[in-house]
Amino acid sequence: MAIVKQYISTKVVNEGLKYIEKNPMENLNKLLDWSEKIITRENHKKHLENFKDIVNDKDSNWYQLMERFFDELSPSSRKNFMINYMINSGIVGIPIQDKMKKKHDCNIPWAILMDPTSACNLKCTGCWASEYDKTDSLTYETLDRIIREGKELGIYMYIYSGGEPLVRKEDLIKLAEKHNDCSFLSFTNATLVDENFAKKLGELGNFGLAISVEGFENETDMRRGKGTYNKVMEAMDLLKREGVIFGFSTCYHKYNTESVGSEEYLDFLIDKGCMFGWYFTYVPIGKDAVTDLMVTSEQREYMYHKIRELRKEKPIFIMDFWNDGEYVDGCIAGGKNYLHINANGDVEPCAFIHYSNVNIKEVSLIKALQSPIFKAYRDMQPFNENHLRPCPLLDNPEKLREMVKRANAHSTQPIDREEVEELTAKTEEVSKEWAETADRLWAEHLENKECKEGAYN
């Protein structure tokens, strides 16, 4: 049934895209009308109504983002975003995931994050990947099996991290070609992007990049090495020219928060061609982690307000991995929305939580999702009623200690195995400081929500 629905949905969107290519924004309403034929879930119907409102508001930043989508992306990128991401990952995939959650009595994620390799051509200050053994890697066959097993569970979104994933770019291209019904995204330092690779991505259309950048030249080169910023800018120019869908991935820390949260920074990256942006805050993973880079509660609050402000004004989709917990009911890890498989094959609940019970080289994907650490996550999520305190490491360290001990999970860092007590000791104080700020913000959020609902009623 799902295959039939997927086929019909693809045909509808293909016909719709052919129709609107001549005059995209003028004919977009027609595509949205056709989309109603393939939508069954109530929340998807609400999203569709919101899209219709956006299309009719030509002054909104979201309308401008859609204009960019049709103006700047290659035909393959436009088509595959609509079909693979919107339809397969959403309309087709999510109902299958819901069914599989009940069948297997465990979390089934929307996306899988995996590390093709632990090797990297850079050594960035504070990066947990620098703690990994540089010889670890997942074979092409293992990556392919994960994707095949994932699709059986309704998962059509695959994300790469590392290490530097593009060390394996030939294998990653082969996987995108083979699984052309899936969407792929790679976090990357972009220094290995060349003209041929950019051209290939533009032709494929189902493989995008999230490019690591820490601010302008001084901030980026401070953590990533002199000359890195200029290479990143060159890569963005190549990708934009070929119509590749890409965005930025920025880690904000004590010494760059005001810069990367500025309007100037975001405007610059929009002009470079970024369609989206992911903000992460610095997490001290590894025994030698630089704890001085952790943001203060004042800086985290600054980003909370700033991203919400910019999201209403700029033609780009931006999100904050920690501060946007209110939109996803807290933490999304542990298979709730995603999981992480490192280059050694250890299946972890999160890219920032390096504890596991199983290795994907020894078990199936569904068996990994049924392992004790994932069961513990499922039982305890959300970790806080205040969704601005979503993380079991940064915001609720006592919960992470409890889960790791209950699951008898082991540290997956091969070089410097870090016991959970050691890790959480580094975040204990900042979690308490943030709790005071977050509780105030959450109370304001609930009060505003009640006022809006009262006015509506």
Protein backbone atom coordinates (compact mmCIF):
# COMPACT_ATOMS: atom_id res chain seq x y z
CA MET A 1 0.00 0.00 0.00
CA ALA A 2 2.82 2.41 0.91
CA ILE A 3 4.56 1.70 -2.41
CA VAL A 4 1.35 2.46 -4.32
CA LYS A 5 0.86 5.69 -2.38
CA GLN A 6 4.48 6.65 -2.98
CA TYR A 7 4.08 6.03 -6.73
CA ILE A 8 0.87 8.06 -6.97
CA SER A 9 2.34 10.88 -4.87
CA THR A 10 5.45 11.03 -7.05
CA LYS A 11 3.38 11.14 -10.25
CA VAL A 12 1.22 13.96 -8.88
CA VAL A 13 4.21 16.08 -7.85
CA ASN A 14 6.06 15.38 -11.09
CA GLU A 15 3.08 16.63 -13.09
CA GLY A 16 2.74 19.60 -10.78
CA LEU A 17 6.40 20.55 -11.12
CA LYS A 18 6.18 20.40 -14.92
CA TYR A 19 3.23 22.75 -14.78
CA ILE A 20 4.75 25.34 -12.46
CA GLU A 21 8.28 25.41 -13.95
CA LYS A 22 7.21 28.05 -16.49
CA ASN A 23 6.04 30.47 -13.81
CA PRO A 24 6.76 28.90 -10.40
CA MET A 25 5.40 31.38 -7.90
CA GLU A 26 2.29 32.25 -9.91
CA ASN A 27 1.33 28.58 -10.35
CA LEU A 28 2.43 27.28 -6.95
CA ASN A 29 -1.12 27.36 -5.61
CA LYS A 30 -2.04 24.81 -8.27
CA LEU A 31 0.63 22.41 -6.96
CA LEU A 32 -0.64 22.88 -3.42
CA ASP A 33 -4.18 22.09 -4.55
CA TRP A 34 -2.92 18.88 -6.16
CA SER A 35 -1.06 18.04 -2.95
CA GLU A 36 -4.35 17.75 -1.09
CA LYS A 37 -5.01 14.55 -3.05
CA ILE A 38 -2.13 12.72 -1.36
CA ILE A 39 -2.28 14.10 2.20
CA THR A 40 -4.11 12.13 4.89
CA ARG A 41 -2.61 13.18 8.25
CA GLU A 42 -4.25 16.12 10.01
CA ASN A 43 -0.94 17.80 10.92
CA HIS A 44 0.16 17.61 7.28
CA LYS A 45 -3.10 19.26 6.24
CA LYS A 46 -2.39 22.10 8.68
CA HIS A 47 1.11 22.52 7.22
CA LEU A 48 -0.43 22.68 3.76
CA GLU A 49 -2.82 25.44 4.84
CA ASN A 50 0.15 27.36 6.26
CA PHE A 51 1.96 26.99 2.91
CA LYS A 52 -1.08 28.38 1.13
CA ASP A 53 -1.08 31.41 3.43
CA ILE A 54 2.62 31.95 2.68
CA VAL A 55 2.09 31.78 -1.09
CA ASN A 56 -0.55 34.49 -0.81
CA ASP A 57 1.68 36.78 1.26
CA LYS A 58 4.28 38.07 -1.18
CA ASP A 59 5.89 40.28 1.45
CA SER A 60 6.76 37.43 3.84
CA ASN A 61 10.27 36.04 4.24
CA TRP A 62 8.90 32.53 3.62
CA TYR A 63 7.55 33.60 0.23
CA GLN A 64 10.99 35.01 -0.57
CA LEU A 65 12.59 31.70 0.48
CA MET A 66 10.33 29.82 -1.94
CA GLU A 67 11.32 32.27 -4.68
CA ARG A 68 14.94 31.44 -3.92
CA PHE A 69 14.09 27.73 -4.08
CA PHE A 70 12.87 28.04 -7.68
CA ASP A 71 15.43 30.65 -8.77
CA GLU A 72 18.65 29.23 -7.33
CA LEU A 73 18.31 25.43 -7.26
CA SER A 74 18.89 23.07 -10.17
CA PRO A 75 15.83 21.26 -11.61
CA SER A 76 17.03 17.99 -10.03
CA SER A 77 17.45 19.65 -6.62
CA ARG A 78 13.95 21.13 -6.77
CA LYS A 79 12.36 17.89 -7.90
CA ASN A 80 14.11 15.64 -5.41
CA PHE A 81 13.49 17.97 -2.49
CA MET A 82 9.76 17.88 -3.24
CA ILE A 83 9.57 14.13 -3.86
CA ASN A 84 12.24 12.60 -1.61
CA TYR A 85 12.07 15.02 1.30
CA MET A 86 8.49 16.29 1.33
CA ILE A 87 6.72 13.14 0.12
CA ASN A 88 8.90 10.12 0.90
CA SER A 89 10.34 11.38 4.21
CA GLY A 90 7.09 12.98 5.31
CA ILE A 91 3.82 11.95 3.71
CA VAL A 92 4.83 8.33 2.98
CA GLY A 93 7.52 7.68 5.58
CA ILE A 94 6.02 8.99 8.82
CA PRO A 95 2.89 6.76 8.78
CA ILE A 96 5.15 3.73 8.20
CA GLN A 97 7.32 4.81 11.14
CA ASP A 98 4.23 5.09 13.36
CA LYS A 99 3.16 1.59 12.37
CA MET A 100 6.63 0.16 13.03
CA LYS A 101 6.80 1.83 16.46
CA LYS A 102 3.75 -0.16 17.52
CA LYS A 103 4.91 -3.36 15.86
CA HIS A 104 8.41 -3.37 17.39
CA ASP A 105 7.60 -1.48 20.63
CA CYS A 106 10.47 0.99 20.25
CA ASN A 107 11.30 4.38 18.84
CA ILE A 108 11.63 4.62 15.06
CA PRO A 109 13.52 7.75 13.94
CA TRP A 110 12.73 10.11 11.09
CA ALA A 111 16.44 10.36 10.20
CA ILE A 112 19.64 8.39 10.67
CA LEU A 113 22.95 10.19 11.26
CA MET A 114 26.00 8.06 10.49
CA ASP A 115 29.74 8.52 10.16
CA PRO A 116 31.24 6.95 7.01
CA THR A 117 34.72 7.62 8.39
CA SER A 118 36.48 8.99 11.44
CA ALA A 119 39.25 10.42 9.27
CA CYS A 120 39.38 14.18 8.79
CA ASN A 121 41.68 16.56 6.96
CA LEU A 122 41.31 19.20 9.70
CA LYS A 123 41.83 19.24 13.46
CA CYS A 124 39.37 21.74 14.88
CA THR A 125 39.67 22.98 18.45
CA GLY A 126 37.10 21.32 20.68
CA CYS A 127 35.77 18.86 18.06
CA TRP A 128 34.86 15.47 19.52
CA ALA A 129 35.83 13.76 16.24
CA SER A 130 39.44 14.53 17.06
CA GLU A 131 39.07 12.03 19.92
CA TYR A 132 38.25 9.15 17.55
CA ASP A 133 40.60 6.59 16.05
CA LYS A 134 41.28 7.90 12.53
CA THR A 135 41.22 4.42 11.02
CA ASP A 136 37.57 3.66 11.83
CA SER A 137 35.11 3.49 8.94
CA LEU A 138 31.81 1.95 7.87
CA THR A 139 32.09 -0.06 4.67
CA TYR A 140 29.97 0.77 1.65
CA GLU A 141 28.10 -2.49 2.22
CA THR A 142 27.30 -1.57 5.82
CA LEU A 143 26.08 1.90 4.87
CA ASP A 144 23.95 0.40 2.13
CA ARG A 145 22.46 -2.17 4.53
CA ILE A 146 21.57 0.53 7.07
CA ILE A 147 19.73 2.48 4.38
CA ARG A 148 17.91 -0.61 3.07
CA GLU A 149 16.83 -1.60 6.58
CA GLY A 150 15.89 2.00 7.31
CA LYS A 151 13.59 2.25 4.31
CA GLU A 152 11.72 -0.84 5.51
CA LEU A 153 10.98 1.17 8.67
CA GLY A 154 9.85 4.24 6.70
CA ILE A 155 13.12 6.19 7.02
CA TYR A 156 14.05 8.16 3.90
CA MET A 157 16.37 10.79 5.41
CA TYR A 158 20.09 10.00 5.87
CA ILE A 159 22.67 12.39 7.26
CA TYR A 160 26.46 12.01 7.37
CA SER A 161 28.90 13.36 9.92
CA GLY A 162 32.37 12.31 10.95
CA GLY A 163 35.28 12.77 10.73
CA GLU A 164 34.98 14.46 7.38
CA PRO A 165 32.38 12.50 5.33
CA LEU A 166 33.65 13.80 1.98
CA VAL A 167 36.82 11.80 2.44
CA ARG A 168 34.44 9.06 1.20
CA LYS A 169 32.60 11.18 -1.39
CA GLU A 170 32.74 8.57 -4.17
CA ASP A 171 30.94 6.02 -1.98
CA LEU A 172 28.44 8.64 -0.83
CA ILE A 173 27.61 9.54 -4.43
CA LYS A 174 27.08 5.85 -5.25
CA LEU A 175 24.67 5.53 -2.31
CA ALA A 176 22.71 8.61 -3.39
CA GLU A 177 22.47 7.21 -6.91
CA LYS A 178 21.36 3.76 -5.73
CA HIS A 179 18.83 5.06 -3.21
CA ASN A 180 17.41 7.80 -5.39
CA ASP A 181 14.16 7.79 -3.40
CA CYS A 182 15.99 9.10 -0.30
CA SER A 183 17.32 12.47 0.79
CA PHE A 184 20.97 12.72 1.86
CA LEU A 185 22.72 15.50 3.73
CA SER A 186 26.35 15.66 4.78
CA PHE A 187 27.86 17.84 7.47
CA THR A 188 31.19 18.90 6.03
CA ASN A 189 34.05 21.34 6.41
CA ALA A 190 33.68 21.81 2.59
CA THR A 191 37.41 21.97 1.95
CA LEU A 192 37.16 18.87 -0.28
CA VAL A 193 34.41 20.31 -2.48
CA ASP A 194 35.69 20.82 -6.03
CA GLU A 195 34.10 21.73 -9.34
CA ASN A 196 33.39 18.14 -10.42
CA PHE A 197 31.81 17.21 -7.08
CA ALA A 198 29.60 20.31 -7.06
CA LYS A 199 28.47 19.57 -10.61
CA LYS A 200 27.61 15.98 -9.67
CA LEU A 201 25.55 17.09 -6.68
CA GLY A 202 23.62 19.53 -8.89
CA GLU A 203 22.80 16.67 -11.25
CA LEU A 204 21.84 14.22 -8.49
CA GLY A 205 19.56 16.59 -6.64
CA ASN A 206 19.09 14.36 -3.57
CA PHE A 207 22.39 15.07 -1.83
CA GLY A 208 22.86 18.36 0.03
CA LEU A 209 25.54 19.79 2.30
CA ALA A 210 25.55 21.46 5.72
CA ILE A 211 28.79 23.42 5.73
CA SER A 212 30.62 24.09 8.97
CA VAL A 213 31.48 27.74 9.46
CA GLU A 214 32.15 29.47 12.77
CA GLY A 215 31.52 33.08 11.81
CA PHE A 216 33.61 35.30 9.55
CA GLU A 217 37.26 34.67 8.72
CA ASN A 218 38.82 35.28 12.13
CA GLU A 219 36.28 33.19 14.07
CA THR A 220 36.30 30.31 11.57
CA ASP A 221 40.07 30.11 11.21
CA MET A 222 40.48 30.36 15.01
CA ARG A 223 38.94 26.88 15.44
CA ARG A 224 39.49 25.32 12.01
CA GLY A 225 42.91 26.55 10.92
CA LYS A 226 44.22 29.44 8.82
CA GLY A 227 42.88 29.51 5.26
CA THR A 228 39.83 27.31 6.00
CA TYR A 229 37.36 30.18 5.71
CA ASN A 230 38.48 31.09 2.18
CA LYS A 231 38.16 27.46 1.06
CA VAL A 232 34.64 27.34 2.49
CA MET A 233 33.66 30.48 0.60
CA GLU A 234 35.00 29.03 -2.65
CA ALA A 235 33.00 25.83 -2.06
CA MET A 236 29.80 27.79 -1.51
CA ASP A 237 30.33 29.65 -4.78
CA LEU A 238 30.74 26.37 -6.67
CA LEU A 239 27.65 24.83 -5.07
CA LYS A 240 25.48 27.87 -5.71
CA ARG A 241 26.56 27.93 -9.35
CA GLU A 242 25.47 24.29 -9.79
CA GLY A 243 22.15 24.76 -7.98
CA VAL A 244 22.96 22.42 -5.09
CA ILE A 245 20.83 22.68 -1.96
CA PHE A 246 23.15 23.58 0.92
CA GLY A 247 23.21 25.47 4.16
CA PHE A 248 25.49 26.30 7.06
CA SER A 249 26.23 24.53 10.31
CA THR A 250 27.49 26.88 12.99
CA CYS A 251 28.68 26.01 16.48
CA TYR A 252 28.23 28.99 18.74
CA HIS A 253 30.54 29.23 21.74
CA LYS A 254 31.74 31.82 24.23
CA TYR A 255 33.88 33.67 21.70
CA ASN A 256 31.68 33.87 18.59
CA THR A 257 28.04 34.00 19.76
CA GLU A 258 27.39 37.67 19.08
CA SER A 259 29.01 37.41 15.65
CA VAL A 260 27.17 34.31 14.38
CA GLY A 261 23.87 35.51 15.80
CA SER A 262 24.08 38.81 13.95
CA GLU A 263 21.92 39.94 11.06
CA GLU A 264 25.10 40.74 9.10
CA TYR A 265 26.29 37.12 9.37
CA LEU A 266 22.98 35.64 8.25
CA ASP A 267 22.55 38.09 5.36
CA PHE A 268 26.03 37.21 4.16
CA LEU A 269 25.32 33.46 4.14
CA ILE A 270 21.98 33.94 2.39
CA ASP A 271 23.79 35.87 -0.32
CA LYS A 272 26.32 33.01 -0.60
CA GLY A 273 23.43 30.63 -1.37
CA CYS A 274 22.56 28.99 1.96
CA MET A 275 18.95 27.77 2.06
CA PHE A 276 19.06 26.66 5.70
CA GLY A 277 21.19 26.99 8.79
CA TRP A 278 21.72 24.75 11.81
CA TYR A 279 23.00 26.31 15.01
CA PHE A 280 24.62 24.11 17.65
CA THR A 281 26.06 25.15 20.96
CA TYR A 282 29.47 23.91 22.03
CA VAL A 283 29.48 20.63 24.01
CA PRO A 284 32.64 19.52 25.89
CA ILE A 285 32.99 15.94 24.63
CA GLY A 286 36.23 14.12 25.43
CA LYS A 287 38.58 14.29 28.42
CA ASP A 288 40.64 17.05 26.81
CA ALA A 289 37.62 19.12 25.78
CA VAL A 290 38.02 22.88 26.13
CA THR A 291 35.36 23.73 28.70
CA ASP A 292 36.14 27.44 28.37
CA LEU A 293 34.32 27.42 25.00
CA MET A 294 30.94 26.68 26.61
CA VAL A 295 28.43 29.52 26.33
CA THR A 296 27.08 31.40 29.31
CA SER A 297 23.36 31.35 30.08
CA GLU A 298 23.22 34.97 28.90
CA GLN A 299 24.67 33.99 25.52
CA ARG A 300 22.29 31.07 25.14
CA GLU A 301 19.36 33.38 25.89
CA TYR A 302 20.71 35.83 23.32
CA MET A 303 20.56 33.08 20.69
CA TYR A 304 17.08 32.05 21.84
CA HIS A 305 15.71 35.52 21.10
CA LYS A 306 17.89 36.25 18.08
CA ILE A 307 17.04 33.12 16.10
CA ARG A 308 13.31 33.60 16.64
CA GLU A 309 13.63 37.18 15.50
CA LEU A 310 15.64 36.34 12.38
CA ARG A 311 13.41 33.38 11.52
CA LYS A 312 10.51 35.80 11.09
CA GLU A 313 12.48 38.16 8.86
CA LYS A 314 15.02 36.34 6.67
CA PRO A 315 14.49 34.16 3.55
CA ILE A 316 16.24 31.13 5.05
CA PHE A 317 15.17 28.30 7.35
CA ILE A 318 17.22 28.38 10.55
CA MET A 319 17.05 26.20 13.63
CA ASP A 320 18.80 25.84 16.97
CA PHE A 321 19.46 22.23 17.98
CA TRP A 322 18.96 23.02 21.69
CA ASN A 323 16.84 26.16 21.94
CA ASP A 324 14.12 24.90 19.58
CA GLY A 325 13.05 22.09 21.90
CA GLU A 326 9.61 23.65 22.30
CA TYR A 327 8.76 22.79 18.67
CA VAL A 328 9.64 19.09 18.96
CA ASP A 329 8.61 18.32 22.56
CA GLY A 330 12.11 18.34 23.97
CA CYS A 331 15.00 16.05 23.03
CA ILE A 332 14.84 14.42 19.57
CA ALA A 333 17.57 11.82 20.16
CA GLY A 334 17.42 8.17 21.19
CA GLY A 335 15.55 7.24 18.03
CA LYS A 336 12.64 9.58 18.79
CA ASN A 337 13.53 11.58 15.69
CA TYR A 338 17.11 10.49 14.99
CA LEU A 339 20.02 8.35 16.15
CA HIS A 340 23.77 8.29 15.52
CA ILE A 341 26.02 5.48 14.25
CA ASN A 342 29.71 6.25 14.61
CA ALA A 343 32.46 5.13 12.26
CA ASN A 344 33.22 2.11 14.44
CA GLY A 345 29.58 1.01 14.10
CA ASP A 346 28.50 1.85 17.66
CA VAL A 347 24.82 2.83 17.66
CA GLU A 348 24.45 5.87 19.91
CA PRO A 349 21.33 7.81 20.94
CA CYS A 350 22.85 11.14 19.85
CA ALA A 351 25.89 12.58 18.12
CA PHE A 352 26.80 14.17 21.45
CA ILE A 353 26.09 11.13 23.66
CA HIS A 354 28.84 8.57 23.19
CA TYR A 355 27.40 5.57 25.01
CA SER A 356 26.04 2.39 23.49
CA ASN A 357 25.04 -1.24 24.00
CA VAL A 358 25.27 -2.48 20.41
CA ASN A 359 27.26 -2.28 17.20
CA ILE A 360 25.55 -2.12 13.80
CA LYS A 361 28.13 -4.54 12.37
CA GLU A 362 26.71 -7.21 14.67
CA VAL A 363 22.96 -6.45 14.81
CA SER A 364 20.16 -5.19 12.59
CA LEU A 365 18.92 -1.62 12.79
CA ILE A 366 15.70 -2.65 14.55
CA LYS A 367 17.65 -4.66 17.16
CA ALA A 368 19.79 -1.59 17.82
CA LEU A 369 16.65 0.51 18.37
CA GLN A 370 15.46 -2.09 20.88
CA SER A 371 18.72 -1.97 22.86
CA PRO A 372 18.72 -0.87 26.54
CA ILE A 373 20.05 2.69 26.04
CA PHE A 374 17.36 3.41 23.45
CA LYS A 375 14.68 1.88 25.68
CA ALA A 376 15.88 4.13 28.52
CA TYR A 377 15.60 7.20 26.29
CA ARG A 378 12.11 6.23 25.22
CA ASP A 379 10.98 5.70 28.82
CA MET A 380 12.37 9.00 30.09
CA GLN A 381 11.62 11.45 27.25
CA PRO A 382 10.94 14.31 27.58
CA PHE A 383 13.62 14.85 30.20
CA ASN A 384 12.00 18.03 31.44
CA GLU A 385 8.53 19.56 31.22
CA ASN A 386 10.31 22.77 30.23
CA HIS A 387 11.22 22.06 26.60
CA LEU A 388 13.82 24.83 26.70
CA ARG A 389 15.76 22.39 28.89
CA PRO A 390 15.59 19.40 26.52
CA CYS A 391 19.07 17.88 26.64
CA PRO A 392 20.04 15.09 29.06
CA LEU A 393 23.66 16.26 28.94
CA LEU A 394 23.58 20.06 28.92
CA ASP A 395 20.30 20.58 30.78
CA ASN A 396 19.51 17.43 32.80
CA PRO A 397 22.84 15.67 33.49
CA GLU A 398 21.33 13.58 36.27
CA LYS A 399 19.00 11.98 33.68
CA LEU A 400 21.91 11.00 31.44
CA ARG A 401 23.75 9.39 34.37
CA GLU A 402 20.61 7.44 35.25
CA MET A 403 20.04 6.19 31.69
CA VAL A 404 23.63 5.12 31.07
CA LYS A 405 23.77 3.23 34.37
CA ARG A 406 20.34 1.64 33.91
CA ALA A 407 21.28 0.47 30.39
CA ASN A 408 24.79 -0.58 31.46
CA ALA A 409 26.00 1.23 28.33
CA HIS A 410 29.71 1.62 27.65
CA SER A 411 31.71 4.61 26.45
CA THR A 412 32.24 4.54 22.69
CA GLN A 413 35.26 6.83 22.57
CA PRO A 414 38.14 4.47 21.76
CA ILE A 415 40.97 6.83 22.63
CA ASP A 416 39.82 8.33 25.92
CA ARG A 417 36.83 6.44 27.29
CA GLU A 418 34.91 8.90 29.42
CA GLU A 419 32.72 7.65 32.23
CA VAL A 420 29.35 9.35 32.38
CA GLU A 421 30.17 10.87 35.79
CA GLU A 422 33.22 12.58 34.28
CA LEU A 423 31.25 13.91 31.33
CA THR A 424 28.28 15.25 33.27
CA ALA A 425 30.52 16.86 35.88
CA LYS A 426 31.55 19.34 33.17
CA THR A 427 27.95 20.42 32.52
CA GLU A 428 26.48 20.27 36.03
CA GLU A 429 27.04 23.92 36.87
CA VAL A 430 26.01 25.36 33.50
CA SER A 431 22.81 23.27 33.59
CA LYS A 432 21.83 24.90 36.90
CA GLU A 433 22.60 28.38 35.60
CA TRP A 434 20.60 27.79 32.42
CA ALA A 435 17.69 26.32 34.41
CA GLU A 436 16.99 29.69 36.04
CA THR A 437 16.98 31.49 32.68
CA ALA A 438 15.08 28.75 30.85
CA ASP A 439 12.36 28.53 33.50
CA ARG A 440 11.76 32.26 33.17
CA LEU A 441 11.62 32.04 29.37
CA TRP A 442 9.31 29.03 29.52
CA ALA A 443 6.92 30.79 31.90
CA GLU A 444 6.81 33.74 29.49
CA HIS A 445 6.21 31.36 26.59
CA LEU A 446 3.27 29.66 28.34
CA GLU A 447 1.78 33.00 29.34
CA ASN A 448 1.97 34.30 25.76
CA LYS A 449 0.46 31.05 24.48
CA GLU A 450 -2.47 31.34 26.88
CA CYS A 451 -3.04 34.96 25.85
CA LYS A 452 -3.12 34.02 22.15
CA GLU A 453 -5.47 31.11 22.76
CA GLY A 454 -7.72 33.33 24.88
CA ALA A 455 -7.83 35.98 22.17
CA TYR A 456 -8.61 33.32 19.56
CA ASN A 457 -11.45 31.85 21.63
